[in-house]
Amino acid sequence: MAFLGIKRKITSFCVNRLFVGAKHFEKKRKLLNWAGYSIGKGTKVVGPFECTATLRIGENCWVGKNFIVNGNGTVTIGDNCDIAPEVIFQTGGHEIGTHERRAGKGIRFESKVGNGCWIGARSTILGGVTIQDGCVIAACSCVVKDVESDTLVGGIPAKVIRRIDDNENTEK
């Protein structure tokens, strides 16, 4: 475990200082995989990048700057997803404790993002949420419950804005 911690510190320095920005994508992907994350082929991580959880990102994704995964749970992101800057996944929490200390026993959560999703800038995804395939999360949203496939949600807390129909975006 100590060796993994050292690998992650080296990777963090390289991804967040040496190779930060919209370049060196393959180097960053290889470093992140070396550090124990699972980053798929063709996925581009801009950096800075911060993650204390288990992270799996599929192929051909874009991960914008200041991507953060807090907690000690798990985040799984499918293929062909676009994650805008400053998106946060929260994978840890607490049960409600007693009067003496309300943040009780710690809880780990798993969050899942399906294939083809787009998560807008400064959005927060809370633990235990599943975002199904083809969804759009509007910028600055806080997603607190599951999102059905092909749905646009937004707001705090995120609410359904509308269903997305692929036919509405094709030229006639």
C-alpha atoms as a PDB file:
ATOM      1  CA  MET A   1       0.000   0.000   0.000  1.00  0.00           C
ATOM      2  CA  ALA A   2       2.864   2.383   0.766  1.00  0.00           C
ATOM      3  CA  PHE A   3       4.284   1.786  -2.717  1.00  0.00           C
ATOM      4  CA  LEU A   4       0.907   2.673  -4.266  1.00  0.00           C
ATOM      5  CA  GLY A   5       0.929   5.913  -2.274  1.00  0.00           C
ATOM      6  CA  ILE A   6       4.383   6.781  -3.608  1.00  0.00           C
ATOM      7  CA  LYS A   7       3.279   5.987  -7.179  1.00  0.00           C
ATOM      8  CA  ARG A   8       0.260   8.253  -6.782  1.00  0.00           C
ATOM      9  CA  LYS A   9       2.371  11.122  -5.406  1.00  0.00           C
ATOM     10  CA  ILE A  10       4.791  10.853  -8.330  1.00  0.00           C
ATOM     11  CA  THR A  11       1.882  10.668 -10.771  1.00  0.00           C
ATOM     12  CA  SER A  12       0.132  13.619  -9.144  1.00  0.00           C
ATOM     13  CA  PHE A  13       3.256  15.747  -9.467  1.00  0.00           C
ATOM     14  CA  CYS A  14       3.744  14.790 -13.122  1.00  0.00           C
ATOM     15  CA  VAL A  15       0.091  15.154 -14.188  1.00  0.00           C
ATOM     16  CA  ASN A  16      -0.564  18.312 -12.160  1.00  0.00           C
ATOM     17  CA  ARG A  17       2.753  20.132 -12.630  1.00  0.00           C
ATOM     18  CA  LEU A  18       4.947  18.770 -15.440  1.00  0.00           C
ATOM     19  CA  PHE A  19       2.325  17.693 -17.990  1.00  0.00           C
ATOM     20  CA  VAL A  20      -0.640  19.865 -17.001  1.00  0.00           C
ATOM     21  CA  GLY A  21      -2.837  21.272 -19.768  1.00  0.00           C
ATOM     22  CA  ALA A  22      -4.189  20.153 -23.121  1.00  0.00           C
ATOM     23  CA  LYS A  23      -1.114  18.203 -24.230  1.00  0.00           C
ATOM     24  CA  HIS A  24       0.920  15.112 -23.281  1.00  0.00           C
ATOM     25  CA  PHE A  25      -2.302  13.091 -23.076  1.00  0.00           C
ATOM     26  CA  GLU A  26      -0.750   9.688 -23.665  1.00  0.00           C
ATOM     27  CA  LYS A  27       1.956  10.276 -21.037  1.00  0.00           C
ATOM     28  CA  LYS A  28      -0.671  11.289 -18.464  1.00  0.00           C
ATOM     29  CA  ARG A  29      -2.875   8.308 -19.304  1.00  0.00           C
ATOM     30  CA  LYS A  30       0.023   5.890 -18.864  1.00  0.00           C
ATOM     31  CA  LEU A  31       1.088   7.529 -15.592  1.00  0.00           C
ATOM     32  CA  LEU A  32      -2.456   7.360 -14.200  1.00  0.00           C
ATOM     33  CA  ASN A  33      -2.718   3.674 -15.107  1.00  0.00           C
ATOM     34  CA  TRP A  34       0.708   3.033 -13.524  1.00  0.00           C
ATOM     35  CA  ALA A  35      -0.586   4.685 -10.345  1.00  0.00           C
ATOM     36  CA  GLY A  36      -3.486   2.226 -10.095  1.00  0.00           C
ATOM     37  CA  TYR A  37      -6.293   4.102 -11.836  1.00  0.00           C
ATOM     38  CA  SER A  38      -7.945   2.544 -14.882  1.00  0.00           C
ATOM     39  CA  ILE A  39      -7.910   5.028 -17.770  1.00  0.00           C
ATOM     40  CA  GLY A  40      -9.030   3.679 -21.148  1.00  0.00           C
ATOM     41  CA  LYS A  41      -7.360   3.968 -24.532  1.00  0.00           C
ATOM     42  CA  GLY A  42      -7.830   7.341 -26.204  1.00  0.00           C
ATOM     43  CA  THR A  43      -8.987   9.065 -23.008  1.00  0.00           C
ATOM     44  CA  LYS A  44      -7.520  12.536 -22.547  1.00  0.00           C
ATOM     45  CA  VAL A  45      -7.001  13.984 -19.071  1.00  0.00           C
ATOM     46  CA  VAL A  46      -6.211  17.705 -19.025  1.00  0.00           C
ATOM     47  CA  GLY A  47      -5.145  18.048 -15.377  1.00  0.00           C
ATOM     48  CA  PRO A  48      -4.865  19.094 -12.660  1.00  0.00           C
ATOM     49  CA  PHE A  49      -6.363  15.854 -11.404  1.00  0.00           C
ATOM     50  CA  GLU A  50      -7.128  14.796  -7.815  1.00  0.00           C
ATOM     51  CA  CYS A  51      -8.469  11.396  -6.780  1.00  0.00           C
ATOM     52  CA  THR A  52      -8.532   9.538  -3.463  1.00  0.00           C
ATOM     53  CA  ALA A  53     -11.009   6.863  -4.597  1.00  0.00           C
ATOM     54  CA  THR A  54     -11.025   3.914  -6.973  1.00  0.00           C
ATOM     55  CA  LEU A  55     -11.424   5.326 -10.479  1.00  0.00           C
ATOM     56  CA  ARG A  56     -12.241   3.659 -13.782  1.00  0.00           C
ATOM     57  CA  ILE A  57     -12.647   5.733 -16.943  1.00  0.00           C
ATOM     58  CA  GLY A  58     -13.520   4.117 -20.271  1.00  0.00           C
ATOM     59  CA  GLU A  59     -12.131   4.730 -23.735  1.00  0.00           C
ATOM     60  CA  ASN A  60     -12.204   7.942 -25.791  1.00  0.00           C
ATOM     61  CA  CYS A  61     -13.237  10.253 -22.957  1.00  0.00           C
ATOM     62  CA  TRP A  62     -12.285  13.853 -22.257  1.00  0.00           C
ATOM     63  CA  VAL A  63     -11.605  14.868 -18.627  1.00  0.00           C
ATOM     64  CA  GLY A  64     -11.319  18.623 -18.128  1.00  0.00           C
ATOM     65  CA  LYS A  65      -9.090  20.527 -15.733  1.00  0.00           C
ATOM     66  CA  ASN A  66      -9.517  20.360 -11.956  1.00  0.00           C
ATOM     67  CA  PHE A  67     -11.259  16.973 -11.983  1.00  0.00           C
ATOM     68  CA  ILE A  68     -11.759  15.842  -8.378  1.00  0.00           C
ATOM     69  CA  VAL A  69     -12.897  12.553  -6.861  1.00  0.00           C
ATOM     70  CA  ASN A  70     -13.231  12.833  -3.073  1.00  0.00           C
ATOM     71  CA  GLY A  71     -13.703   9.989  -0.625  1.00  0.00           C
ATOM     72  CA  ASN A  72     -12.716   6.353  -0.639  1.00  0.00           C
ATOM     73  CA  GLY A  73     -15.499   4.877  -2.774  1.00  0.00           C
ATOM     74  CA  THR A  74     -15.571   4.087  -6.486  1.00  0.00           C
ATOM     75  CA  VAL A  75     -16.315   6.072  -9.644  1.00  0.00           C
ATOM     76  CA  THR A  76     -16.840   4.282 -12.955  1.00  0.00           C
ATOM     77  CA  ILE A  77     -17.204   6.352 -16.129  1.00  0.00           C
ATOM     78  CA  GLY A  78     -18.134   4.694 -19.431  1.00  0.00           C
ATOM     79  CA  ASP A  79     -16.779   5.204 -22.946  1.00  0.00           C
ATOM     80  CA  ASN A  80     -17.075   8.379 -25.048  1.00  0.00           C
ATOM     81  CA  CYS A  81     -17.866  10.679 -22.120  1.00  0.00           C
ATOM     82  CA  ASP A  82     -16.988  14.364 -21.819  1.00  0.00           C
ATOM     83  CA  ILE A  83     -16.285  15.698 -18.342  1.00  0.00           C
ATOM     84  CA  ALA A  84     -16.026  19.500 -18.294  1.00  0.00           C
ATOM     85  CA  PRO A  85     -13.697  21.463 -15.983  1.00  0.00           C
ATOM     86  CA  GLU A  86     -14.118  21.459 -12.209  1.00  0.00           C
ATOM     87  CA  VAL A  87     -16.407  18.438 -11.949  1.00  0.00           C
ATOM     88  CA  ILE A  88     -16.464  16.786  -8.505  1.00  0.00           C
ATOM     89  CA  PHE A  89     -17.491  13.252  -7.568  1.00  0.00           C
ATOM     90  CA  GLN A  90     -18.162  12.731  -3.854  1.00  0.00           C
ATOM     91  CA  THR A  91     -17.725   9.049  -2.933  1.00  0.00           C
ATOM     92  CA  GLY A  92     -17.603   9.225   0.850  1.00  0.00           C
ATOM     93  CA  GLY A  93     -20.097  10.282   3.468  1.00  0.00           C
ATOM     94  CA  HIS A  94     -21.405   9.521   6.934  1.00  0.00           C
ATOM     95  CA  GLU A  95     -24.431   8.085   8.633  1.00  0.00           C
ATOM     96  CA  ILE A  96     -26.166  10.599  10.875  1.00  0.00           C
ATOM     97  CA  GLY A  97     -24.680  10.157  14.300  1.00  0.00           C
ATOM     98  CA  THR A  98     -25.763  11.030  17.809  1.00  0.00           C
ATOM     99  CA  HIS A  99     -26.302  14.466  19.298  1.00  0.00           C
ATOM    100  CA  GLU A 100     -22.654  14.524  20.415  1.00  0.00           C
ATOM    101  CA  ARG A 101     -21.350  14.049  16.855  1.00  0.00           C
ATOM    102  CA  ARG A 102     -23.751  14.131  13.912  1.00  0.00           C
ATOM    103  CA  ALA A 103     -21.197  12.900  11.334  1.00  0.00           C
ATOM    104  CA  GLY A 104     -21.359   9.270  12.394  1.00  0.00           C
ATOM    105  CA  LYS A 105     -19.942   6.112  10.862  1.00  0.00           C
ATOM    106  CA  GLY A 106     -18.234   6.608   7.490  1.00  0.00           C
ATOM    107  CA  ILE A 107     -19.856   5.255   4.317  1.00  0.00           C
ATOM    108  CA  ARG A 108     -18.318   4.460   0.911  1.00  0.00           C
ATOM    109  CA  PHE A 109     -20.370   5.067  -2.205  1.00  0.00           C
ATOM    110  CA  GLU A 110     -20.119   3.964  -5.808  1.00  0.00           C
ATOM    111  CA  SER A 111     -21.069   6.324  -8.619  1.00  0.00           C
ATOM    112  CA  LYS A 112     -21.504   5.245 -12.229  1.00  0.00           C
ATOM    113  CA  VAL A 113     -21.668   7.242 -15.446  1.00  0.00           C
ATOM    114  CA  GLY A 114     -22.843   5.423 -18.570  1.00  0.00           C
ATOM    115  CA  ASN A 115     -21.494   5.668 -22.098  1.00  0.00           C
ATOM    116  CA  GLY A 116     -21.765   8.848 -24.149  1.00  0.00           C
ATOM    117  CA  CYS A 117     -22.536  11.234 -21.280  1.00  0.00           C
ATOM    118  CA  TRP A 118     -21.601  14.905 -21.016  1.00  0.00           C
ATOM    119  CA  ILE A 119     -21.143  16.416 -17.553  1.00  0.00           C
ATOM    120  CA  GLY A 120     -21.080  20.218 -17.551  1.00  0.00           C
ATOM    121  CA  ALA A 121     -18.589  22.470 -15.767  1.00  0.00           C
ATOM    122  CA  ARG A 122     -18.635  22.756 -11.982  1.00  0.00           C
ATOM    123  CA  SER A 123     -21.140  19.958 -11.547  1.00  0.00           C
ATOM    124  CA  THR A 124     -21.101  17.772  -8.450  1.00  0.00           C
ATOM    125  CA  ILE A 125     -22.107  14.113  -8.496  1.00  0.00           C
ATOM    126  CA  LEU A 126     -22.950  12.752  -5.055  1.00  0.00           C
ATOM    127  CA  GLY A 127     -22.158   9.224  -3.930  1.00  0.00           C
ATOM    128  CA  GLY A 128     -24.367   6.348  -4.961  1.00  0.00           C
ATOM    129  CA  VAL A 129     -25.685   8.055  -8.093  1.00  0.00           C
ATOM    130  CA  THR A 130     -25.982   6.253 -11.431  1.00  0.00           C
ATOM    131  CA  ILE A 131     -26.131   8.359 -14.588  1.00  0.00           C
ATOM    132  CA  GLN A 132     -27.259   6.125 -17.426  1.00  0.00           C
ATOM    133  CA  ASP A 133     -26.129   6.239 -21.083  1.00  0.00           C
ATOM    134  CA  GLY A 134     -26.473   9.360 -23.227  1.00  0.00           C
ATOM    135  CA  CYS A 135     -27.215  11.885 -20.489  1.00  0.00           C
ATOM    136  CA  VAL A 136     -26.329  15.564 -20.257  1.00  0.00           C
ATOM    137  CA  ILE A 137     -25.721  17.159 -16.854  1.00  0.00           C
ATOM    138  CA  ALA A 138     -26.051  20.948 -17.137  1.00  0.00           C
ATOM    139  CA  ALA A 139     -23.238  23.114 -15.796  1.00  0.00           C
ATOM    140  CA  CYS A 140     -23.266  23.858 -12.054  1.00  0.00           C
ATOM    141  CA  SER A 141     -25.683  21.020 -11.275  1.00  0.00           C
ATOM    142  CA  CYS A 142     -25.714  18.899  -8.137  1.00  0.00           C
ATOM    143  CA  VAL A 143     -26.834  15.361  -9.004  1.00  0.00           C
ATOM    144  CA  VAL A 144     -28.320  13.681  -5.924  1.00  0.00           C
ATOM    145  CA  LYS A 145     -30.306  10.841  -7.502  1.00  0.00           C
ATOM    146  CA  ASP A 146     -30.112   8.479 -10.477  1.00  0.00           C
ATOM    147  CA  VAL A 147     -30.588   9.849 -13.998  1.00  0.00           C
ATOM    148  CA  GLU A 148     -32.350   7.813 -16.701  1.00  0.00           C
ATOM    149  CA  SER A 149     -30.789   7.326 -20.161  1.00  0.00           C
ATOM    150  CA  ASP A 150     -31.008  10.156 -22.684  1.00  0.00           C
ATOM    151  CA  THR A 151     -32.049  12.776 -20.167  1.00  0.00           C
ATOM    152  CA  LEU A 152     -30.920  16.381 -19.683  1.00  0.00           C
ATOM    153  CA  VAL A 153     -30.856  17.382 -16.007  1.00  0.00           C
ATOM    154  CA  GLY A 154     -29.805  20.582 -14.291  1.00  0.00           C
ATOM    155  CA  GLY A 155     -30.023  22.656 -11.150  1.00  0.00           C
ATOM    156  CA  ILE A 156     -29.506  22.187  -7.423  1.00  0.00           C
ATOM    157  CA  PRO A 157     -30.649  19.555  -6.817  1.00  0.00           C
ATOM    158  CA  ALA A 158     -30.606  18.416 -10.447  1.00  0.00           C
ATOM    159  CA  LYS A 159     -34.052  17.899 -11.941  1.00  0.00           C
ATOM    160  CA  VAL A 160     -35.136  16.571 -15.312  1.00  0.00           C
ATOM    161  CA  ILE A 161     -35.244  19.364 -17.867  1.00  0.00           C
ATOM    162  CA  ARG A 162     -36.207  17.175 -20.806  1.00  0.00           C
ATOM    163  CA  ARG A 163     -35.645  13.880 -22.585  1.00  0.00           C
ATOM    164  CA  ILE A 164     -33.104  13.932 -25.413  1.00  0.00           C
ATOM    165  CA  ASP A 165     -34.139  12.613 -28.824  1.00  0.00           C
ATOM    166  CA  ASP A 166     -31.288  11.958 -31.269  1.00  0.00           C
ATOM    167  CA  ASN A 167     -33.599  12.810 -34.178  1.00  0.00           C
ATOM    168  CA  GLU A 168     -33.964  16.433 -33.047  1.00  0.00           C
ATOM    169  CA  ASN A 169     -30.275  17.088 -33.785  1.00  0.00           C
ATOM    170  CA  THR A 170     -30.102  15.644 -37.293  1.00  0.00           C
ATOM    171  CA  GLU A 171     -30.279  17.822 -40.379  1.00  0.00           C
ATOM    172  CA  LYS A 172     -33.424  17.537 -42.463  1.00  0.00           C
END
